Amino acid sequence: MLARPGTTAHTTSPPTSFTRFRSSAHAQSAFVKSVVGGWEVSGIVTFESGLPANVTLRAARVGNGIGGNNRPNLTGSISYPNQVVSGQQQIQWLSASAFSTPAVGSWGNLTYDAVRLPHRQNWNMSVFKNFLLNEARGSRLELRLETFNPFNHTQFTSMDTGLGSGTFGRFNGAAPARIVQLGGKISF
């Protein structure tokens, strides 16, 4: 568990990196060495459990005299339906059925950061190809293809946690989608 200031514990696996080289030492001709050799594949992979989220009361439900930072009462089991809202392009991650407004002048019994966002898996991968341009001078060309989130997994970063809101429990933020970049470098 990785403890962060101001939040509850957050379980994670350490980022794992990998690199794989393809040598051209066994190739016979310069053409075969150029095509078969000089490849490199690398990446970083991270798996994390969901981040904690704090449920509070929206203005419409704050009329109990405490104020906007009050939390609701937990009156049932927290459920994560994870369903697409009919007629909309939103996902209902958290159900409001387990929460209720506390009595006038009292605090809610729900603990801080009692709910979680979905887990996250992040893949960053790259492929490099090195071409030898002039063996005598040692000049070479390197082509790089780098991808961030290459499998285009949606990684939700926040949701509406204000009980009483029309969009309570729905996602309202996500990390960037797939990013691909191509580059080249000549060394001489």
Protein backbone atom coordinates (compact mmCIF):
# COMPACT_ATOMS: atom_id res chain seq x y z
CA MET A 1 0.00 0.00 0.00
CA LEU A 2 1.23 3.45 -0.88
CA ALA A 3 0.09 6.12 1.60
CA ARG A 4 -0.28 9.66 0.30
CA PRO A 5 -0.79 12.77 2.47
CA GLY A 6 -4.40 13.82 2.77
CA THR A 7 -5.92 10.62 1.39
CA THR A 8 -6.46 7.05 2.43
CA ALA A 9 -4.14 4.27 1.36
CA HIS A 10 -3.99 3.53 -2.36
CA THR A 11 -2.93 0.09 -3.55
CA THR A 12 -0.72 -0.05 -6.61
CA SER A 13 1.85 -2.18 -8.32
CA PRO A 14 5.17 -0.50 -9.01
CA PRO A 15 5.63 0.58 -12.63
CA THR A 16 7.29 -2.18 -14.59
CA SER A 17 9.55 -1.41 -17.51
CA PHE A 18 10.93 -3.69 -20.18
CA THR A 19 13.37 -3.47 -23.07
CA ARG A 20 14.12 -6.01 -25.80
CA PHE A 21 16.96 -5.71 -28.32
CA ARG A 22 17.36 -7.55 -31.62
CA SER A 23 21.00 -7.96 -32.54
CA SER A 24 22.35 -8.20 -36.08
CA ALA A 25 25.56 -10.02 -35.16
CA HIS A 26 24.57 -13.27 -36.93
CA ALA A 27 23.42 -11.68 -40.19
CA GLN A 28 25.64 -12.22 -43.24
CA SER A 29 24.96 -9.40 -45.70
CA ALA A 30 24.76 -5.64 -45.03
CA PHE A 31 21.17 -5.62 -46.34
CA VAL A 32 20.06 -8.40 -43.98
CA LYS A 33 21.85 -6.69 -41.06
CA SER A 34 20.04 -3.47 -41.93
CA VAL A 35 16.57 -5.07 -42.07
CA VAL A 36 16.76 -7.73 -39.35
CA GLY A 37 19.04 -6.08 -36.81
CA GLY A 38 18.88 -2.90 -34.81
CA TRP A 39 15.36 -3.25 -33.37
CA GLU A 40 14.47 -2.24 -29.83
CA VAL A 41 11.11 -2.53 -28.05
CA SER A 42 10.56 -0.93 -24.66
CA GLY A 43 7.77 0.20 -22.41
CA ILE A 44 6.38 1.01 -18.97
CA VAL A 45 3.30 -0.73 -17.57
CA THR A 46 1.39 0.38 -14.44
CA PHE A 47 -1.60 -1.27 -12.72
CA GLU A 48 -3.42 0.57 -9.92
CA SER A 49 -6.55 0.03 -7.89
CA GLY A 50 -9.13 2.80 -8.04
CA LEU A 51 -8.44 6.18 -6.47
CA PRO A 52 -10.57 7.09 -3.46
CA ALA A 53 -13.38 9.64 -3.84
CA ASN A 54 -15.23 11.65 -1.20
CA VAL A 55 -19.06 11.82 -1.32
CA THR A 56 -20.58 15.09 -0.11
CA LEU A 57 -24.03 16.70 -0.10
CA ARG A 58 -25.04 19.10 -2.91
CA ALA A 59 -26.62 22.46 -2.09
CA ALA A 60 -30.14 21.10 -2.53
CA ARG A 61 -29.50 18.61 0.28
CA VAL A 62 -27.43 20.80 2.59
CA GLY A 63 -30.50 22.30 4.25
CA ASN A 64 -29.71 20.44 7.46
CA GLY A 65 -27.83 23.46 8.86
CA ILE A 66 -24.29 22.04 8.71
CA GLY A 67 -22.98 23.36 5.39
CA GLY A 68 -21.58 22.23 2.07
CA ASN A 69 -18.83 19.94 3.36
CA ASN A 70 -21.18 17.57 5.13
CA ARG A 71 -21.21 13.93 4.06
CA PRO A 72 -24.35 11.80 3.76
CA ASN A 73 -25.39 8.88 5.93
CA LEU A 74 -24.50 5.41 4.71
CA THR A 75 -27.79 3.49 4.89
CA GLY A 76 -27.03 0.48 2.71
CA SER A 77 -24.34 -1.30 0.77
CA ILE A 78 -22.30 0.82 -1.67
CA SER A 79 -22.84 -0.48 -5.20
CA TYR A 80 -21.07 0.18 -8.48
CA PRO A 81 -23.55 -0.59 -11.30
CA ASN A 82 -21.11 0.49 -14.07
CA GLN A 83 -23.94 0.96 -16.61
CA VAL A 84 -24.40 3.28 -19.57
CA VAL A 85 -27.14 5.81 -18.78
CA SER A 86 -30.04 5.31 -21.18
CA GLY A 87 -30.10 7.94 -23.95
CA GLN A 88 -26.83 9.53 -22.83
CA GLN A 89 -23.16 8.91 -23.37
CA GLN A 90 -22.34 8.68 -19.66
CA ILE A 91 -21.54 5.78 -17.37
CA GLN A 92 -23.26 5.44 -13.98
CA TRP A 93 -20.39 4.14 -11.83
CA LEU A 94 -21.80 4.76 -8.35
CA SER A 95 -25.42 4.29 -7.17
CA ALA A 96 -27.06 6.83 -4.83
CA SER A 97 -29.28 4.15 -3.24
CA ALA A 98 -26.90 3.55 -0.31
CA PHE A 99 -26.87 7.18 0.86
CA SER A 100 -29.33 9.48 2.63
CA THR A 101 -29.38 13.06 3.95
CA PRO A 102 -28.58 13.29 7.69
CA ALA A 103 -31.06 14.82 10.13
CA VAL A 104 -31.12 18.60 10.52
CA GLY A 105 -28.07 19.79 12.46
CA SER A 106 -26.18 16.48 12.38
CA TRP A 107 -23.18 15.18 10.49
CA GLY A 108 -23.44 12.24 8.11
CA ASN A 109 -21.82 8.94 9.12
CA LEU A 110 -20.12 8.17 5.78
CA THR A 111 -16.34 8.10 6.17
CA TYR A 112 -13.98 10.26 4.13
CA ASP A 113 -13.02 8.74 0.73
CA ALA A 114 -15.40 5.79 1.25
CA VAL A 115 -15.89 5.10 -2.48
CA ARG A 116 -13.42 4.27 -5.22
CA LEU A 117 -12.98 5.12 -8.87
CA PRO A 118 -12.32 2.18 -11.22
CA HIS A 119 -8.91 0.54 -11.44
CA ARG A 120 -6.35 1.88 -13.88
CA GLN A 121 -3.96 0.14 -16.20
CA ASN A 122 -1.56 2.23 -18.20
CA TRP A 123 0.72 1.02 -20.98
CA ASN A 124 3.38 3.16 -22.66
CA MET A 125 5.31 1.38 -25.41
CA SER A 126 7.90 2.24 -28.04
CA VAL A 127 9.64 0.63 -31.00
CA PHE A 128 13.04 1.85 -32.23
CA LYS A 129 14.88 0.86 -35.40
CA ASN A 130 18.54 1.72 -35.94
CA PHE A 131 20.04 1.83 -39.46
CA LEU A 132 23.79 2.00 -39.95
CA LEU A 133 24.48 4.66 -42.61
CA ASN A 134 28.29 4.57 -42.76
CA GLU A 135 30.23 1.95 -40.83
CA ALA A 136 33.56 3.76 -41.18
CA ARG A 137 32.21 6.99 -39.66
CA GLY A 138 29.74 5.30 -37.29
CA SER A 139 26.86 7.39 -38.55
CA ARG A 140 23.38 5.96 -38.13
CA LEU A 141 19.68 6.75 -38.47
CA GLU A 142 17.26 5.98 -35.64
CA LEU A 143 13.49 5.85 -36.25
CA ARG A 144 11.19 5.85 -33.21
CA LEU A 145 7.51 5.04 -32.80
CA GLU A 146 6.27 5.90 -29.29
CA THR A 147 2.76 5.25 -27.99
CA PHE A 148 1.07 6.34 -24.78
CA ASN A 149 -2.04 4.31 -23.89
CA PRO A 150 -1.68 2.31 -27.16
CA PHE A 151 -4.68 0.04 -26.37
CA ASN A 152 -6.82 3.17 -25.85
CA HIS A 153 -8.19 2.07 -22.45
CA THR A 154 -10.46 4.75 -21.00
CA GLN A 155 -8.95 5.84 -17.69
CA PHE A 156 -11.51 7.79 -15.67
CA THR A 157 -9.99 10.35 -13.32
CA SER A 158 -13.02 11.87 -11.57
CA MET A 159 -16.78 11.58 -11.09
CA ASP A 160 -19.59 13.70 -9.68
CA THR A 161 -19.63 12.85 -5.96
CA GLY A 162 -22.19 15.45 -4.87
CA LEU A 163 -25.27 13.58 -3.61
CA GLY A 164 -28.34 15.39 -4.91
CA SER A 165 -26.79 16.27 -8.26
CA GLY A 166 -28.54 14.99 -11.39
CA THR A 167 -25.27 13.42 -12.51
CA PHE A 168 -24.24 11.87 -9.16
CA GLY A 169 -21.99 8.84 -9.59
CA ARG A 170 -21.24 9.57 -13.27
CA PHE A 171 -17.76 10.13 -14.64
CA ASN A 172 -16.82 13.69 -15.56
CA GLY A 173 -13.12 13.37 -16.32
CA ALA A 174 -10.73 11.03 -18.12
CA ALA A 175 -7.03 10.82 -18.92
CA PRO A 176 -5.99 11.46 -22.54
CA ALA A 177 -6.79 8.83 -25.14
CA ARG A 178 -4.12 7.12 -27.26
CA ILE A 179 -1.17 9.32 -28.23
CA VAL A 180 1.23 8.25 -31.00
CA GLN A 181 4.37 10.06 -32.03
CA LEU A 182 6.95 9.28 -34.67
CA GLY A 183 10.46 10.67 -34.67
CA GLY A 184 13.84 10.27 -36.27
CA LYS A 185 17.43 11.07 -35.41
CA ILE A 186 20.64 11.05 -37.43
CA SER A 187 23.90 10.58 -35.55
CA PHE A 188 27.20 11.26 -37.32
